[in-house]
Amino acid sequence: MKRALIILLVGLMGFAGIAGIAACSSPDPGSVDAGDHDTGDQDTGDQDTGDQDAGDTGESDTDTGGTGDAGENGENGPDPLACPPLSEPQGQIVEVTQDNLADLPHLVRTADPDTHFVFEPGTYDLPNTLHVRAPGLSFRSSTGDANDVVLDGRYEVNSLFLVNASDVTIAHLTLTRAVHHAVHVSPEGDATEDVVGTDLYGLRIFDISQQFVKVNSNGARTAFVDDGRLECSYFELTDAGRPNVDPTATGCYTGGIDAHSSRGWLIRNNDFIDIYCDGAGLAEHAVHFWSASRDTLVENNRIIGCARGVGFGLSESGNVRDYDDDPYPEVEGYIGHYDGLIRNNIIFADHEWYDTGIELAQARGARVYHNTIYTPEATGAFSSIDYRFPNTDAVIRNNLTDRISVRNGASATVDHNLEGIGPELFVDVTALNFRLVATATDAIDQGVEVDDAGIDIDGNPRNAGEAPDIGAHEFID
């Protein structure tokens, strides 16, 4: 299957929903735990590559430089995976047009708390980074449709947004062509209070040279970025953008959302498309939480054609974050990710640059439930789910996979998974429709009940048969 066909099919299958955004209630992630900081030594699949943690990168305002396989909801009432529109902003509103674009970086940098920047339709060539320093700011299109407003860095602006404050919302915008990141969230260098409440919703992000969204502590590691949300958004690295990927350290220093030492993030109902490099190096994960991150919930996402899917942790050692409650006092040494839950996601790739679907590295207490990982033509594939290193202790259940692998002394409870899967289980893999067919008896009613199974990727509960089905879709007759 060609890349262009995948993009076309995914686009036709309902991405209009990502234009909506709301303060949807987030489910309690339970014991979701995240962690593992930049160590300067990436290790995944059968490849080791380098990485760098910017910490406080010194980016400033002087920089010059969901959807998819949606379907039938078996319950009456609102669709639990819908993306309704954002409520009207309350407080001071700044209308952004081409007429005041030149002043925009200054207006954002000096804005009072709870100021709302509303963009009229158009393509905006940003003159500099939008440096957010006051809490409660929001940025959105006036129409509630991300397609109507494009913020373009032209590979001249380092990061389009640099966020140093809490409770910031960025929604209903298309962000493209940044030298570093579309959105970079990090406390200021001398901060002692964490940045919380980052809300990234209904975004479309294309062709960013480094990680599309970067989240990290300040350089002094005295403040962190917690309790954020990325939802109902679309990330894509196109063929036009791929030559502009930063080759620093790894040869392919790009990825989806990359978070260090962060706690309590929700990554839900997003699409990550074709984040890979063709021969230049191994791209980072579509979703990556490490460096002692904690309590990350990754659910109901579609990861199509990316080099790596979801990562909790990365290396055997790295930067740590001390949590007051010390959730695993009996464990000696480094924990890359604390707890956390990866459930009801679809991961698909059919090119040679794919490596691993879900990676657990020094991931203590991680749970991996009801994911479908199908990569039959990915000739360079290493594994569907890989868990490694001695401090990994995970639970892996009810997943449809090509292969599950263990390395380097890791431990896990692994049962009720199906490996070596083929296309006969699914409605139409060429159309990226991974719903189970009625004859998929190896998967239907073959799972085991687990706490926090969540809803399937169509929004259906896990109670359609005598037992839960294996994979991201519950079969609905």
Protein backbone atom coordinates (compact mmCIF):
# COMPACT_ATOMS: atom_id res chain seq x y z
CA MET A 1 0.00 0.00 0.00
CA LYS A 2 1.43 3.36 -0.93
CA ARG A 3 1.80 6.24 1.55
CA ALA A 4 -0.40 8.54 -0.52
CA LEU A 5 -3.22 6.02 -0.42
CA ILE A 6 -3.01 5.74 3.34
CA ILE A 7 -3.16 9.52 3.79
CA LEU A 8 -6.07 9.83 1.41
CA LEU A 9 -8.05 7.07 3.04
CA VAL A 10 -7.43 8.35 6.54
CA GLY A 11 -8.46 11.84 5.48
CA LEU A 12 -11.67 10.55 3.99
CA MET A 13 -12.57 8.65 7.13
CA GLY A 14 -13.67 11.59 9.17
CA PHE A 15 -11.03 14.06 10.20
CA ALA A 16 -13.57 16.88 10.10
CA GLY A 17 -14.26 16.01 13.70
CA ILE A 18 -10.91 17.34 14.83
CA ALA A 19 -12.07 20.88 14.18
CA GLY A 20 -14.30 20.63 17.23
CA ILE A 21 -12.91 21.26 20.66
CA ALA A 22 -14.41 21.31 24.10
CA ALA A 23 -13.61 21.11 27.72
CA CYS A 24 -14.65 17.48 27.62
CA SER A 25 -14.38 15.72 30.93
CA SER A 26 -11.30 13.55 31.06
CA PRO A 27 -11.59 10.09 32.56
CA ASP A 28 -9.53 9.42 35.65
CA PRO A 29 -6.38 7.76 34.34
CA GLY A 30 -6.22 5.75 37.53
CA SER A 31 -2.73 4.54 38.20
CA VAL A 32 -1.42 5.89 34.91
CA ASP A 33 2.25 6.68 35.38
CA ALA A 34 4.87 8.27 33.20
CA GLY A 35 8.57 8.93 33.31
CA ASP A 36 12.07 8.70 31.73
CA HIS A 37 14.05 11.79 30.90
CA ASP A 38 16.36 12.60 28.04
CA THR A 39 19.46 10.54 28.54
CA GLY A 40 21.38 11.31 25.40
CA ASP A 41 21.06 7.68 24.39
CA GLN A 42 17.92 6.47 22.68
CA ASP A 43 17.33 2.74 22.64
CA THR A 44 14.40 1.10 20.97
CA GLY A 45 13.65 -1.98 18.99
CA ASP A 46 16.94 -3.29 17.80
CA GLN A 47 18.35 0.17 17.18
CA ASP A 48 20.09 2.61 19.50
CA THR A 49 20.00 6.26 18.58
CA GLY A 50 20.81 9.50 20.34
CA ASP A 51 18.51 12.20 21.59
CA GLN A 52 18.77 15.44 23.47
CA ASP A 53 16.70 17.01 26.23
CA ALA A 54 16.48 20.73 25.72
CA GLY A 55 15.45 21.43 29.28
CA ASP A 56 15.39 25.22 29.29
CA THR A 57 16.45 25.72 25.70
CA GLY A 58 16.71 29.46 25.80
CA GLU A 59 14.06 29.87 23.14
CA SER A 60 12.61 33.33 23.36
CA ASP A 61 10.32 35.72 21.61
CA THR A 62 13.29 36.92 19.60
CA ASP A 63 13.31 33.69 17.62
CA THR A 64 13.67 34.47 13.96
CA GLY A 65 14.09 31.86 12.57
CA GLY A 66 -9.23 12.88 15.59
CA THR A 67 -11.69 10.89 12.96
CA GLY A 68 -10.08 7.96 11.38
CA ASP A 69 -11.61 4.58 11.88
CA ALA A 70 -14.71 5.98 13.54
CA GLY A 71 -17.85 3.98 13.65
CA GLU A 72 -20.96 2.78 15.28
CA ASN A 73 -21.49 3.67 18.86
CA GLY A 74 -23.41 0.91 20.52
CA GLU A 75 -24.86 3.21 23.17
CA ASN A 76 -27.56 5.82 22.90
CA GLY A 77 -26.65 9.37 23.81
CA PRO A 78 -23.64 11.55 23.02
CA ASP A 79 -20.66 10.02 21.29
CA PRO A 80 -17.97 9.68 23.99
CA LEU A 81 -15.29 10.30 21.37
CA ALA A 82 -16.89 13.35 19.79
CA CYS A 83 -15.03 16.65 19.70
CA PRO A 84 -17.67 19.32 20.36
CA PRO A 85 -16.84 22.99 19.86
CA LEU A 86 -14.99 25.00 22.44
CA SER A 87 -17.15 27.24 24.60
CA GLU A 88 -17.00 30.96 23.93
CA PRO A 89 -14.06 32.67 25.64
CA GLN A 90 -14.79 34.85 28.64
CA GLY A 91 -12.60 37.83 29.41
CA GLN A 92 -10.39 40.05 27.30
CA ILE A 93 -10.44 39.12 23.61
CA VAL A 94 -7.83 40.13 21.04
CA GLU A 95 -8.96 39.69 17.44
CA VAL A 96 -5.99 38.69 15.29
CA THR A 97 -5.92 39.70 11.63
CA GLN A 98 -3.21 40.35 9.09
CA ASP A 99 -3.31 44.00 10.15
CA ASN A 100 -1.92 43.35 13.64
CA LEU A 101 0.20 40.27 12.84
CA ALA A 102 3.49 42.19 13.11
CA ASP A 103 2.60 43.17 16.67
CA LEU A 104 1.36 39.74 17.68
CA PRO A 105 4.56 38.43 19.37
CA HIS A 106 4.67 41.54 21.56
CA LEU A 107 0.94 41.35 22.32
CA VAL A 108 1.28 37.73 23.43
CA ARG A 109 4.45 38.27 25.45
CA THR A 110 2.90 41.17 27.40
CA ALA A 111 -0.67 39.89 27.62
CA ASP A 112 -2.58 39.97 30.88
CA PRO A 113 -3.74 36.65 32.35
CA ASP A 114 -6.91 35.18 30.80
CA THR A 115 -6.52 36.99 27.49
CA HIS A 116 -7.95 35.18 24.46
CA PHE A 117 -6.43 35.54 21.00
CA VAL A 118 -9.00 34.77 18.29
CA PHE A 119 -7.68 34.43 14.73
CA GLU A 120 -9.76 35.41 11.73
CA PRO A 121 -9.47 33.01 8.76
CA GLY A 122 -6.25 33.21 6.79
CA THR A 123 -2.65 32.07 6.56
CA TYR A 124 -0.35 33.91 8.95
CA ASP A 125 3.40 33.99 8.34
CA LEU A 126 4.53 34.33 11.95
CA PRO A 127 7.31 36.89 12.37
CA ASN A 128 8.56 35.35 15.64
CA THR A 129 7.76 32.83 18.35
CA LEU A 130 4.59 33.47 20.33
CA HIS A 131 6.02 33.45 23.86
CA VAL A 132 3.27 32.76 26.40
CA ARG A 133 4.21 33.98 29.86
CA ALA A 134 0.87 34.73 31.54
CA PRO A 135 -1.54 32.02 32.77
CA GLY A 136 -4.94 31.40 31.28
CA LEU A 137 -4.22 32.58 27.73
CA SER A 138 -5.96 30.90 24.82
CA PHE A 139 -5.39 30.84 21.06
CA ARG A 140 -8.05 29.68 18.62
CA SER A 141 -9.66 30.26 15.26
CA SER A 142 -12.80 32.38 15.11
CA THR A 143 -14.64 29.66 13.16
CA GLY A 144 -13.77 26.69 15.35
CA ASP A 145 -12.22 25.01 12.30
CA ALA A 146 -8.48 24.36 12.26
CA ASN A 147 -8.47 24.37 8.46
CA ASP A 148 -9.41 28.05 8.40
CA VAL A 149 -6.34 29.39 10.22
CA VAL A 150 -2.75 28.44 9.37
CA LEU A 151 0.23 29.65 11.41
CA ASP A 152 3.31 29.12 9.26
CA GLY A 153 6.88 29.35 10.55
CA ARG A 154 8.34 28.88 7.04
CA TYR A 155 11.29 27.04 8.70
CA GLU A 156 12.43 30.43 9.97
CA VAL A 157 10.77 30.57 13.42
CA ASN A 158 12.19 28.25 16.07
CA SER A 159 8.98 27.27 17.87
CA LEU A 160 5.60 28.68 16.92
CA PHE A 161 4.46 28.67 20.57
CA LEU A 162 6.75 28.70 23.62
CA VAL A 163 4.56 28.20 26.70
CA ASN A 164 5.93 29.01 30.17
CA ALA A 165 2.59 29.43 31.96
CA SER A 166 -0.27 27.32 33.28
CA ASP A 167 -3.78 26.81 31.94
CA VAL A 168 -2.94 27.74 28.35
CA THR A 169 -5.23 26.53 25.55
CA ILE A 170 -4.19 26.23 21.89
CA ALA A 171 -7.07 25.03 19.74
CA HIS A 172 -8.59 24.93 16.25
CA LEU A 173 -5.41 26.03 14.47
CA THR A 174 -3.16 24.56 11.80
CA LEU A 175 0.52 24.82 12.74
CA THR A 176 3.29 24.15 10.26
CA ARG A 177 6.98 24.47 9.35
CA ALA A 178 8.74 25.29 12.62
CA VAL A 179 12.50 24.91 13.02
CA HIS A 180 12.05 23.28 16.44
CA HIS A 181 8.49 22.62 17.62
CA ALA A 182 4.96 23.67 16.85
CA VAL A 183 4.36 23.92 20.60
CA HIS A 184 7.05 23.83 23.28
CA VAL A 185 5.86 23.75 26.90
CA SER A 186 8.45 24.26 29.63
CA PRO A 187 8.68 26.27 32.88
CA GLU A 188 11.02 29.23 32.84
CA GLY A 189 14.60 28.67 33.91
CA ASP A 190 14.21 30.00 37.46
CA ALA A 191 10.68 28.69 38.06
CA THR A 192 9.80 26.71 41.17
CA GLU A 193 6.13 26.11 40.35
CA ASP A 194 5.04 23.49 37.84
CA VAL A 195 3.23 24.40 34.64
CA VAL A 196 -0.16 22.66 34.66
CA GLY A 197 -3.31 22.53 32.57
CA THR A 198 -1.89 22.78 29.05
CA ASP A 199 -4.77 22.08 26.64
CA LEU A 200 -3.94 21.22 23.02
CA TYR A 201 -7.14 20.41 21.18
CA GLY A 202 -8.48 20.20 17.69
CA LEU A 203 -5.12 21.10 16.14
CA ARG A 204 -3.67 20.16 12.77
CA ILE A 205 0.13 20.07 12.82
CA PHE A 206 2.27 19.43 9.74
CA ASP A 207 5.96 19.22 8.82
CA ILE A 208 7.81 20.26 11.97
CA SER A 209 11.59 19.86 11.86
CA GLN A 210 11.93 18.45 15.38
CA GLN A 211 9.27 17.03 17.72
CA PHE A 212 5.86 18.44 16.86
CA VAL A 213 5.04 19.03 20.55
CA LYS A 214 7.83 19.18 23.14
CA VAL A 215 7.21 19.05 26.90
CA ASN A 216 10.04 19.22 29.44
CA SER A 217 11.17 20.55 32.80
CA ASN A 218 13.25 23.66 33.12
CA GLY A 219 16.99 23.25 32.95
CA ALA A 220 17.37 23.37 36.74
CA ARG A 221 14.75 20.61 37.09
CA THR A 222 12.95 22.64 39.74
CA ALA A 223 9.65 22.78 37.84
CA PHE A 224 7.81 20.37 35.56
CA VAL A 225 4.84 20.24 33.17
CA ASP A 226 1.90 18.22 34.51
CA ASP A 227 -1.78 17.47 33.88
CA GLY A 228 -1.89 18.41 30.21
CA ARG A 229 -4.09 17.19 27.41
CA LEU A 230 -3.63 16.49 23.68
CA GLU A 231 -6.93 15.51 22.12
CA CYS A 232 -8.80 15.46 18.81
CA SER A 233 -5.73 16.55 16.86
CA TYR A 234 -3.96 15.49 13.66
CA PHE A 235 -0.18 15.25 13.14
CA GLU A 236 1.42 14.51 9.78
CA LEU A 237 4.89 14.56 8.28
CA THR A 238 4.41 14.87 4.52
CA ASP A 239 6.80 13.99 1.73
CA ALA A 240 7.37 17.72 1.24
CA GLY A 241 8.29 18.19 4.90
CA ARG A 242 10.46 15.09 5.34
CA PRO A 243 13.64 16.61 3.78
CA ASN A 244 13.44 19.39 6.38
CA VAL A 245 13.63 17.10 9.40
CA ASP A 246 16.50 18.02 11.74
CA PRO A 247 19.29 15.43 11.30
CA THR A 248 20.88 16.35 14.65
CA ALA A 249 22.07 13.39 16.76
CA THR A 250 19.81 10.70 15.33
CA GLY A 251 19.60 11.57 11.65
CA CYS A 252 15.83 11.89 12.12
CA TYR A 253 15.25 14.09 15.15
CA THR A 254 11.48 14.37 14.90
CA GLY A 255 8.45 12.81 16.55
CA GLY A 256 4.88 13.49 17.60
CA ILE A 257 4.59 14.52 21.27
CA ASP A 258 7.77 14.08 23.28
CA ALA A 259 7.50 14.64 27.04
CA HIS A 260 10.09 14.43 29.79
CA SER A 261 9.42 14.06 33.53
CA SER A 262 5.76 14.95 33.11
CA ARG A 263 2.85 13.61 35.13
CA GLY A 264 -0.83 13.07 34.44
CA TRP A 265 -1.08 13.78 30.70
CA LEU A 266 -4.00 12.57 28.58
CA ILE A 267 -3.34 11.70 24.93
CA ARG A 268 -6.69 10.76 23.39
CA ASN A 269 -8.45 10.52 20.03
CA ASN A 270 -5.61 11.83 17.87
CA ASP A 271 -4.15 10.81 14.50
CA PHE A 272 -0.41 10.56 13.88
CA ILE A 273 0.47 10.03 10.23
CA ASP A 274 3.77 9.11 8.54
CA ILE A 275 6.24 10.40 11.11
CA TYR A 276 9.33 8.65 9.77
CA CYS A 277 12.48 9.29 7.74
CA ASP A 278 13.29 7.23 4.68
CA GLY A 279 16.79 6.03 5.43
CA ALA A 280 18.15 9.04 7.30
CA GLY A 281 17.65 7.54 10.76
CA LEU A 282 15.01 6.29 13.16
CA ALA A 283 12.32 8.84 14.03
CA GLU A 284 11.08 9.20 17.57
CA HIS A 285 7.71 7.91 18.74
CA ALA A 286 4.35 9.36 17.80
CA VAL A 287 3.69 9.48 21.57
CA HIS A 288 6.65 9.39 23.94
CA PHE A 289 6.69 9.96 27.70
CA TRP A 290 9.93 9.25 29.50
CA SER A 291 12.59 10.60 31.88
CA ALA A 292 10.54 9.56 34.93
CA SER A 293 7.21 10.65 33.54
CA ARG A 294 4.14 9.30 35.35
CA ASP A 295 0.44 8.50 35.02
CA THR A 296 0.14 8.99 31.28
CA LEU A 297 -3.08 7.82 29.63
CA VAL A 298 -2.79 7.07 25.89
CA GLU A 299 -6.10 5.93 24.43
CA ASN A 300 -8.19 5.77 21.25
CA ASN A 301 -5.46 7.09 18.97
CA ARG A 302 -4.69 6.06 15.40
CA ILE A 303 -0.97 5.85 14.59
CA ILE A 304 -0.55 5.24 10.87
CA GLY A 305 2.75 4.84 9.05
CA CYS A 306 4.98 6.10 11.88
CA ALA A 307 8.42 4.69 12.69
CA ARG A 308 7.48 4.11 16.31
CA GLY A 309 4.13 4.20 18.03
CA VAL A 310 3.96 4.73 21.81
CA GLY A 311 6.91 4.77 24.19
CA PHE A 312 6.94 4.70 27.98
CA GLY A 313 10.58 5.15 28.91
CA LEU A 314 13.51 4.63 26.58
CA SER A 315 16.87 3.81 28.11
CA GLU A 316 18.17 1.79 31.04
CA SER A 317 19.23 4.94 32.89
CA GLY A 318 18.48 8.64 32.71
CA ASN A 319 17.32 11.73 34.54
CA VAL A 320 15.03 11.17 37.50
CA ARG A 321 12.16 13.02 39.11
CA ASP A 322 11.57 12.58 42.82
CA TYR A 323 7.88 12.13 43.65
CA ASP A 324 6.82 12.91 47.21
CA ASP A 325 4.80 9.69 47.56
CA ASP A 326 7.64 7.49 46.17
CA PRO A 327 5.30 4.96 44.51
CA TYR A 328 7.89 2.17 44.25
CA PRO A 329 10.19 2.47 47.27
CA GLU A 330 11.29 -1.16 46.91
CA VAL A 331 12.79 -0.55 43.46
CA GLU A 332 16.47 0.27 43.26
CA GLY A 333 17.73 2.32 40.36
CA TYR A 334 16.14 4.17 37.53
CA ILE A 335 12.47 4.11 36.54
CA GLY A 336 11.81 5.49 33.07
CA HIS A 337 8.03 5.68 33.38
CA TYR A 338 5.79 5.22 36.41
CA ASP A 339 2.50 3.38 35.93
CA GLY A 340 0.51 4.61 32.91
CA LEU A 341 -2.06 3.04 30.61
CA ILE A 342 -1.96 2.45 26.84
CA ARG A 343 -5.36 1.21 25.64
CA ASN A 344 -7.60 0.93 22.59
CA ASN A 345 -5.15 2.35 20.04
CA ILE A 346 -4.57 1.29 16.43
CA ILE A 347 -0.99 1.18 15.12
CA PHE A 348 -0.37 0.36 11.46
CA ALA A 349 2.63 0.62 9.17
CA ASP A 350 3.60 -0.93 5.85
CA HIS A 351 7.06 0.51 5.09
CA GLU A 352 10.58 -0.56 5.95
CA TRP A 353 11.23 2.37 8.32
CA TYR A 354 8.81 1.12 10.99
CA ASP A 355 10.49 -0.29 14.10
CA THR A 356 8.24 -0.86 17.15
CA GLY A 357 4.58 -0.31 17.99
CA ILE A 358 4.63 -0.01 21.79
CA GLU A 359 7.86 0.20 23.76
CA LEU A 360 8.17 -0.19 27.54
CA ALA A 361 11.65 0.56 28.91
CA GLN A 362 12.18 0.68 32.68
CA ALA A 363 8.39 1.16 32.78
CA ARG A 364 7.14 0.22 36.23
CA GLY A 365 3.44 -0.50 36.57
CA ALA A 366 2.59 0.14 32.92
CA ARG A 367 -0.58 -1.46 31.54
CA VAL A 368 -1.15 -2.21 27.85
CA TYR A 369 -4.72 -3.25 27.00
CA HIS A 370 -6.80 -3.78 23.86
CA ASN A 371 -4.47 -2.37 21.19
CA THR A 372 -4.38 -3.46 17.54
CA ILE A 373 -0.89 -3.41 16.02
CA TYR A 374 -0.78 -4.60 12.42
CA THR A 375 2.39 -4.20 10.35
CA PRO A 376 2.52 -7.10 7.86
CA GLU A 377 4.56 -5.35 5.16
CA ALA A 378 6.92 -3.45 7.46
CA THR A 379 10.03 -5.36 6.43
CA GLY A 380 12.28 -3.62 8.96
CA ALA A 381 9.94 -4.21 11.90
CA PHE A 382 11.40 -5.23 15.24
CA SER A 383 8.34 -5.82 17.43
CA SER A 384 4.72 -4.91 18.05
CA ILE A 385 5.14 -4.66 21.83
CA ASP A 386 8.62 -4.71 23.34
CA TYR A 387 9.35 -4.61 27.06
CA ARG A 388 12.86 -4.44 28.41
CA PHE A 389 15.23 -3.70 31.31
CA PRO A 390 15.03 -4.99 34.89
CA ASN A 391 12.76 -2.32 36.39
CA THR A 392 10.03 -2.89 33.83
CA ASP A 393 7.06 -4.66 35.43
CA ALA A 394 3.98 -4.39 33.22
CA VAL A 395 0.64 -6.01 32.41
CA ILE A 396 0.02 -6.72 28.71
CA ARG A 397 -3.41 -8.14 27.85
CA ASN A 398 -5.99 -8.30 25.09
CA ASN A 399 -3.76 -7.01 22.28
CA LEU A 400 -3.77 -8.01 18.60
CA THR A 401 -0.14 -8.04 17.45
CA ASP A 402 2.44 -9.40 15.07
CA ARG A 403 4.94 -10.07 17.87
CA ILE A 404 5.54 -9.42 21.58
CA SER A 405 9.17 -9.40 22.72
CA VAL A 406 11.01 -9.26 26.06
CA ARG A 407 14.64 -8.27 26.63
CA ASN A 408 17.21 -7.33 29.26
CA GLY A 409 15.55 -8.88 32.31
CA ALA A 410 12.14 -7.20 32.07
CA SER A 411 9.06 -8.70 33.74
CA ALA A 412 5.40 -8.60 32.77
CA THR A 413 2.10 -10.44 33.04
CA VAL A 414 1.38 -11.30 29.41
CA ASP A 415 -1.80 -13.19 28.52
CA HIS A 416 -4.88 -13.18 26.30
CA ASN A 417 -2.98 -11.58 23.42
CA LEU A 418 -3.03 -12.83 19.83
CA GLU A 419 0.25 -12.80 17.90
CA GLY A 420 0.95 -13.41 14.23
CA ILE A 421 -2.32 -11.86 13.10
CA GLY A 422 -3.41 -11.66 9.47
CA PRO A 423 -5.80 -9.56 7.35
CA GLU A 424 -8.58 -12.15 7.60
CA LEU A 425 -9.48 -10.78 11.04
CA PHE A 426 -10.43 -7.35 9.73
CA VAL A 427 -13.09 -5.75 7.55
CA ASP A 428 -10.67 -4.07 5.12
CA VAL A 429 -7.05 -3.36 5.95
CA THR A 430 -6.51 -1.56 2.63
CA ALA A 431 -9.04 1.03 3.82
CA LEU A 432 -7.53 1.04 7.33
CA ASN A 433 -10.73 -0.51 8.70
CA PHE A 434 -9.59 -2.77 11.53
CA ARG A 435 -13.01 -3.71 12.85
CA LEU A 436 -13.32 -7.43 13.42
CA VAL A 437 -15.31 -9.58 11.03
CA ALA A 438 -17.77 -12.16 12.32
CA THR A 439 -15.38 -15.00 11.48
CA ALA A 440 -12.56 -13.57 13.63
CA THR A 441 -13.25 -16.18 16.29
CA ASP A 442 -9.66 -16.13 17.54
CA ALA A 443 -10.27 -12.57 18.74
CA ILE A 444 -14.02 -12.30 19.46
CA ASP A 445 -14.87 -13.09 23.11
CA GLN A 446 -11.29 -14.30 23.63
CA GLY A 447 -10.10 -11.51 25.91
CA VAL A 448 -10.15 -11.25 29.68
CA GLU A 449 -11.92 -8.59 31.73
CA VAL A 450 -9.52 -5.97 33.05
CA ASP A 451 -10.03 -2.94 35.21
CA ASP A 452 -9.83 0.30 33.24
CA ALA A 453 -10.41 -1.37 29.85
CA GLY A 454 -12.04 1.87 28.67
CA ILE A 455 -14.20 2.11 25.56
CA ASP A 456 -13.15 0.70 22.22
CA ILE A 457 -11.88 2.95 19.45
CA ASP A 458 -15.44 3.42 18.15
CA GLY A 459 -16.72 4.43 21.59
CA ASN A 460 -18.37 1.09 22.36
CA PRO A 461 -18.21 -0.52 25.80
CA ARG A 462 -16.47 -3.85 26.26
CA ASN A 463 -19.63 -5.82 26.99
CA ALA A 464 -20.96 -6.93 23.58
CA GLY A 465 -20.29 -10.66 24.08
CA GLU A 466 -19.58 -13.29 26.67
CA ALA A 467 -16.08 -11.88 27.18
CA PRO A 468 -14.19 -8.86 25.87
CA ASP A 469 -12.74 -9.06 22.37
CA ILE A 470 -9.01 -8.83 21.75
CA GLY A 471 -7.82 -5.64 20.04
CA ALA A 472 -8.96 -2.05 19.71
CA HIS A 473 -12.43 -2.86 18.31
CA GLU A 474 -15.24 -4.67 20.08
CA PHE A 475 -17.20 -6.71 17.55
CA ILE A 476 -20.74 -5.36 17.16
CA ASP A 477 -23.04 -7.74 15.30
